[in-house]
Amino acid sequence: MIRGLYTGASGMRAQQWRLDAVANNLANIDTDGYKKETAAFKAFPELLLRRQDDDGVYLHPFGSADAAPIIGKMGTGVELNELFTVFTQGALKETSSDFDLAMDGKGFFSVATPYGERYTRNGSFVLGKEGYLETKEGYPVMGENGPIRVKANNFQIDKDGRVWVNAAYPDDPDVMVGRESNIWEETVLLDTLKIVDFELDRYLQKQGSSLYRETEYSGPAIILEEGSRPRVFQGFTEASNVDPVVEMVQMIEVNRSYEANQKVIQSEDQALGTLINQVAKFA
């Protein structure tokens, strides 16, 4: 009977984890590039009920073990298995900024931080004081040759992630210095955005500020080559992939499940109290 109290308590704790995930999703519904979290659960190892007066030994493919005959098994509750991120595509929103970027497809922008390279789907970038393309936290956006340095109204990024800039050159530098005539503009390739992916992106670890870091389970970052890269759209940002209706429905389910587990504990407590009081009468 005491075991029933623990089972109900574990169910309540599981619903708290679900509620935390749902609340975090709803709080970030307007965060560019945000990917929703989902809580996954598993049952505690089932308790094997055996006859205590039988200490026989049986053989199985992996050797021998104490094998008192199993007479049944009992569930012992639930526990959080993992809190993983769902990397489904979010809708693209058009903006008026040339520094905003969005990806359509699997992949991550690479940014340089004091703790090493981190990865993000949030393409709401700005022009830093030193002319580098940066996140709003001041982390430079990485190209395949290093941080990307551009000027306002002087660069374009195509759908393959290539950064083109307009450069002005005089026809004859020795003669035309200080004169604006005979100056022509040429579009040159500056760099290519460093877009990466992972073998198991669900195991990426969130770092805050829409950043992720690789883990031993996600595998190292793999630079995507031409043909496997997502399409890049300049002047757009990717909205979060949170569906508010789905999250609100889940919140209702969480509240009802929490109340059900609470009633289990109350019923177990009442039954235990009755048992103790009845036994005390005849003791």
Protein backbone atom coordinates (compact mmCIF):
# COMPACT_ATOMS: atom_id res chain seq x y z
CA MET A 1 0.00 0.00 0.00
CA ILE A 2 2.91 2.32 0.72
CA ARG A 3 4.10 1.50 -2.79
CA GLY A 4 0.92 3.06 -4.19
CA LEU A 5 1.83 6.37 -2.59
CA TYR A 6 5.17 6.41 -4.40
CA THR A 7 3.50 5.45 -7.68
CA GLY A 8 1.06 8.35 -7.43
CA ALA A 9 3.82 10.75 -6.39
CA SER A 10 5.97 9.75 -9.38
CA GLY A 11 2.99 10.41 -11.66
CA MET A 12 2.55 13.89 -10.18
CA ARG A 13 6.25 14.62 -10.64
CA ALA A 14 6.06 13.50 -14.28
CA GLN A 15 3.21 15.92 -14.94
CA GLN A 16 5.27 18.72 -13.41
CA TRP A 17 7.98 18.02 -16.01
CA ARG A 18 5.36 18.11 -18.77
CA LEU A 19 3.96 21.38 -17.45
CA ASP A 20 7.44 22.94 -17.36
CA ALA A 21 7.98 21.99 -21.03
CA VAL A 22 4.57 23.31 -22.11
CA ALA A 23 5.04 26.56 -20.18
CA ASN A 24 8.48 27.08 -21.73
CA ASN A 25 7.05 26.50 -25.20
CA LEU A 26 4.24 29.01 -24.68
CA ALA A 27 6.68 31.57 -23.24
CA ASN A 28 8.83 31.35 -26.40
CA ILE A 29 6.05 31.29 -28.96
CA ASP A 30 7.29 34.61 -30.43
CA THR A 31 11.02 33.79 -30.21
CA ASP A 32 12.59 33.54 -33.67
CA GLY A 33 13.97 30.09 -34.42
CA TYR A 34 12.70 28.55 -31.18
CA LYS A 35 12.10 24.79 -31.27
CA LYS A 36 9.58 23.28 -28.90
CA GLU A 37 10.46 20.81 -26.17
CA THR A 38 8.71 17.52 -25.52
CA ALA A 39 8.98 15.44 -22.36
CA ALA A 40 9.30 11.66 -22.83
CA PHE A 41 8.72 9.26 -19.95
CA LYS A 42 9.37 5.63 -19.14
CA ALA A 43 8.13 3.27 -16.46
CA PHE A 44 10.27 2.44 -13.46
CA PRO A 45 11.68 -1.10 -13.70
CA GLU A 46 8.82 -3.44 -12.89
CA LEU A 47 9.06 -5.18 -9.57
CA LEU A 48 9.34 -8.94 -10.05
CA LEU A 49 7.37 -10.85 -7.42
CA ARG A 50 8.97 -14.21 -6.58
CA ARG A 51 8.43 -16.90 -4.01
CA GLN A 52 10.87 -16.12 -1.25
CA ASP A 53 11.34 -19.74 -0.20
CA ASP A 54 12.66 -20.82 -3.59
CA ASP A 55 16.37 -20.25 -4.27
CA GLY A 56 16.65 -22.33 -7.44
CA VAL A 57 18.99 -21.52 -10.29
CA TYR A 58 18.06 -21.46 -13.96
CA LEU A 59 20.14 -21.15 -17.11
CA HIS A 60 19.67 -18.61 -19.90
CA PRO A 61 21.84 -17.52 -22.86
CA PHE A 62 23.88 -15.13 -20.72
CA GLY A 63 24.68 -17.49 -17.87
CA SER A 64 22.94 -18.46 -14.64
CA ALA A 65 20.99 -16.37 -12.15
CA ASP A 66 18.96 -16.71 -9.01
CA ALA A 67 15.62 -17.76 -10.39
CA ALA A 68 12.89 -18.00 -7.82
CA PRO A 69 9.80 -18.59 -9.96
CA ILE A 70 8.15 -15.34 -11.00
CA ILE A 71 4.56 -15.21 -9.84
CA GLY A 72 3.78 -11.79 -11.26
CA LYS A 73 5.06 -8.26 -11.73
CA MET A 74 3.98 -4.85 -10.54
CA GLY A 75 4.52 -1.40 -12.00
CA THR A 76 6.31 1.00 -9.69
CA GLY A 77 5.59 4.36 -11.29
CA VAL A 78 6.99 6.58 -14.02
CA GLU A 79 10.09 8.72 -14.47
CA LEU A 80 11.35 11.30 -16.94
CA ASN A 81 13.31 9.64 -19.73
CA GLU A 82 14.40 12.75 -21.62
CA LEU A 83 13.40 16.28 -22.50
CA PHE A 84 14.13 16.52 -26.20
CA THR A 85 13.80 19.26 -28.80
CA VAL A 86 11.58 18.88 -31.88
CA PHE A 87 13.37 20.44 -34.86
CA THR A 88 10.45 20.75 -37.25
CA GLN A 89 10.46 23.66 -39.68
CA GLY A 90 8.91 26.94 -38.54
CA ALA A 91 7.12 29.42 -40.78
CA LEU A 92 9.17 32.12 -42.51
CA LYS A 93 8.38 35.75 -41.67
CA GLU A 94 9.41 38.59 -43.97
CA THR A 95 11.22 41.52 -42.35
CA SER A 96 12.67 44.81 -43.56
CA SER A 97 16.23 44.02 -42.47
CA ASP A 98 18.95 42.71 -44.79
CA PHE A 99 20.66 41.23 -41.74
CA ASP A 100 17.82 38.80 -41.03
CA LEU A 101 18.31 35.28 -42.36
CA ALA A 102 16.13 32.18 -42.35
CA MET A 103 16.75 28.60 -43.41
CA ASP A 104 14.25 26.30 -45.09
CA GLY A 105 15.44 22.80 -44.29
CA LYS A 106 17.69 21.03 -41.80
CA GLY A 107 20.77 22.87 -40.60
CA PHE A 108 22.15 25.40 -38.15
CA PHE A 109 24.01 28.70 -38.37
CA SER A 110 27.40 28.64 -36.64
CA VAL A 111 28.33 31.45 -34.27
CA ALA A 112 31.54 32.10 -32.34
CA THR A 113 31.19 32.48 -28.56
CA PRO A 114 33.76 32.77 -25.76
CA TYR A 115 32.98 29.11 -24.98
CA GLY A 116 33.55 27.82 -28.50
CA GLU A 117 31.32 27.48 -31.53
CA ARG A 118 27.60 27.27 -30.90
CA TYR A 119 24.72 26.69 -33.28
CA THR A 120 21.37 28.39 -33.80
CA ARG A 121 18.27 28.54 -35.97
CA ASN A 122 17.59 32.12 -34.93
CA GLY A 123 18.67 34.23 -37.90
CA SER A 124 17.73 37.60 -36.42
CA PHE A 125 21.20 39.12 -36.81
CA VAL A 126 22.57 42.66 -36.55
CA LEU A 127 25.60 44.58 -37.79
CA GLY A 128 28.16 44.86 -34.99
CA LYS A 129 30.27 47.90 -34.18
CA GLU A 130 33.28 46.43 -35.97
CA GLY A 131 31.27 45.55 -39.06
CA TYR A 132 30.75 41.87 -38.30
CA LEU A 133 27.43 40.09 -38.77
CA GLU A 134 26.44 39.16 -35.20
CA THR A 135 23.68 37.74 -33.06
CA LYS A 136 21.85 40.16 -30.79
CA GLU A 137 24.10 38.96 -27.96
CA GLY A 138 27.17 40.08 -29.92
CA TYR A 139 28.41 36.68 -31.14
CA PRO A 140 29.88 36.77 -34.69
CA VAL A 141 28.21 34.67 -37.37
CA MET A 142 30.70 32.27 -38.90
CA GLY A 143 31.46 31.77 -42.54
CA GLU A 144 33.51 28.88 -43.86
CA ASN A 145 36.57 31.17 -43.78
CA GLY A 146 35.85 32.86 -40.45
CA PRO A 147 33.59 35.63 -39.10
CA ILE A 148 31.65 37.50 -41.78
CA ARG A 149 32.39 41.21 -42.09
CA VAL A 150 30.05 43.31 -44.23
CA LYS A 151 28.74 46.85 -44.66
CA ALA A 152 25.15 48.03 -44.52
CA ASN A 153 23.41 48.04 -47.92
CA ASN A 154 26.51 46.54 -49.49
CA PHE A 155 25.98 42.79 -49.39
CA GLN A 156 23.62 40.08 -50.56
CA ILE A 157 23.20 36.48 -49.47
CA ASP A 158 21.82 34.03 -52.01
CA LYS A 159 19.78 30.89 -51.38
CA ASP A 160 22.94 28.78 -51.21
CA GLY A 161 24.26 30.87 -48.32
CA ARG A 162 26.96 32.62 -50.36
CA VAL A 163 27.75 36.17 -49.26
CA TRP A 164 28.28 38.64 -52.13
CA VAL A 165 29.55 42.19 -51.66
CA ASN A 166 29.79 45.18 -53.96
CA ALA A 167 33.35 46.47 -54.29
CA ALA A 168 34.33 49.69 -56.11
CA TYR A 169 37.61 49.83 -58.03
CA PRO A 170 39.20 52.71 -60.00
CA ASP A 171 40.25 51.96 -63.60
CA ASP A 172 43.75 53.19 -62.84
CA PRO A 173 44.55 53.51 -59.14
CA ASP A 174 47.65 55.63 -59.81
CA VAL A 175 45.72 58.22 -61.82
CA MET A 176 42.16 58.10 -60.57
CA VAL A 177 42.79 58.46 -56.85
CA GLY A 178 40.23 60.87 -55.33
CA ARG A 179 38.07 60.97 -58.47
CA GLU A 180 34.68 59.33 -58.77
CA SER A 181 34.59 59.09 -62.55
CA ASN A 182 35.44 55.79 -64.21
CA ILE A 183 34.74 53.94 -60.93
CA TRP A 184 32.84 50.74 -61.54
CA GLU A 185 31.15 48.29 -59.19
CA GLU A 186 31.79 44.57 -59.24
CA THR A 187 30.04 41.89 -57.18
CA VAL A 188 32.53 39.55 -55.57
CA LEU A 189 32.11 36.45 -53.41
CA LEU A 190 33.13 37.25 -49.84
CA ASP A 191 32.42 33.96 -48.09
CA THR A 192 29.83 31.23 -47.60
CA LEU A 193 27.77 30.86 -44.44
CA LYS A 194 28.98 27.99 -42.29
CA ILE A 195 25.86 25.84 -42.08
CA VAL A 196 26.15 22.57 -40.18
CA ASP A 197 24.03 19.61 -39.18
CA PHE A 198 24.34 16.69 -36.78
CA GLU A 199 23.84 12.96 -36.96
CA LEU A 200 21.40 13.06 -34.02
CA ASP A 201 20.26 16.65 -33.56
CA ARG A 202 17.71 15.66 -30.88
CA TYR A 203 20.60 15.26 -28.45
CA LEU A 204 21.86 18.82 -28.86
CA GLN A 205 21.98 20.70 -25.58
CA LYS A 206 20.32 24.10 -25.21
CA GLN A 207 22.60 26.90 -23.98
CA GLY A 208 20.14 29.79 -23.80
CA SER A 209 19.82 32.73 -26.22
CA SER A 210 18.61 30.27 -28.91
CA LEU A 211 22.02 28.56 -28.94
CA TYR A 212 22.83 24.86 -28.95
CA ARG A 213 26.01 22.93 -28.25
CA GLU A 214 27.01 19.53 -29.50
CA THR A 215 27.20 16.55 -27.15
CA GLU A 216 28.79 13.14 -27.36
CA TYR A 217 25.39 11.73 -28.33
CA SER A 218 24.59 14.28 -31.06
CA GLY A 219 27.96 13.78 -32.72
CA PRO A 220 30.23 16.54 -34.03
CA ALA A 221 29.04 19.34 -36.31
CA ILE A 222 29.11 18.37 -40.01
CA ILE A 223 29.56 21.21 -42.50
CA LEU A 224 26.90 20.81 -45.19
CA GLU A 225 28.16 20.77 -48.74
CA GLU A 226 26.45 22.22 -51.79
CA GLY A 227 23.44 20.12 -52.72
CA SER A 228 22.64 19.11 -49.13
CA ARG A 229 22.38 22.62 -47.67
CA PRO A 230 19.05 24.20 -46.72
CA ARG A 231 17.86 27.21 -48.70
CA VAL A 232 18.75 30.56 -47.13
CA PHE A 233 16.39 33.54 -47.39
CA GLN A 234 17.68 37.05 -46.74
CA GLY A 235 15.20 39.48 -45.21
CA PHE A 236 13.28 36.68 -43.45
CA THR A 237 13.32 35.08 -40.01
CA GLU A 238 12.04 31.67 -38.97
CA ALA A 239 9.16 31.70 -36.49
CA SER A 240 8.97 29.21 -33.63
CA ASN A 241 7.41 25.83 -34.37
CA VAL A 242 5.12 26.03 -31.34
CA ASP A 243 1.40 25.52 -32.02
CA PRO A 244 -0.41 27.41 -29.22
CA VAL A 245 -3.60 25.35 -29.61
CA VAL A 246 -1.73 22.06 -29.18
CA GLU A 247 0.17 23.41 -26.18
CA MET A 248 -3.03 24.61 -24.49
CA VAL A 249 -4.64 21.20 -25.00
CA GLN A 250 -1.57 19.55 -23.48
CA MET A 251 -1.77 21.91 -20.52
CA ILE A 252 -5.36 20.77 -19.87
CA GLU A 253 -4.25 17.12 -20.11
CA VAL A 254 -1.43 17.79 -17.64
CA ASN A 255 -3.81 19.36 -15.11
CA ARG A 256 -6.25 16.46 -15.32
CA SER A 257 -3.49 13.84 -15.05
CA TYR A 258 -2.00 15.65 -12.08
CA GLU A 259 -5.38 15.68 -10.32
CA ALA A 260 -5.89 11.96 -11.06
CA ASN A 261 -2.55 11.07 -9.47
CA GLN A 262 -3.40 13.32 -6.54
CA LYS A 263 -6.63 11.38 -5.98
CA VAL A 264 -4.65 8.11 -6.07
CA ILE A 265 -2.49 9.36 -3.22
CA GLN A 266 -5.54 10.48 -1.25
CA SER A 267 -7.24 7.12 -1.74
CA GLU A 268 -4.11 5.23 -0.72
CA ASP A 269 -3.75 7.43 2.35
CA GLN A 270 -7.36 6.83 3.39
CA ALA A 271 -7.04 3.08 2.87
CA LEU A 272 -3.80 3.01 4.84
CA GLY A 273 -5.39 5.00 7.67
CA THR A 274 -8.37 2.62 7.78
CA LEU A 275 -6.06 -0.39 7.88
CA ILE A 276 -3.99 1.02 10.75
CA ASN A 277 -7.06 1.99 12.76
CA GLN A 278 -8.75 -1.40 12.25
CA VAL A 279 -5.60 -3.30 13.19
CA ALA A 280 -5.15 -1.12 16.27
CA LYS A 281 -8.65 -2.04 17.47
CA PHE A 282 -7.91 -5.76 17.51
CA ALA A 283 -4.33 -5.49 18.70
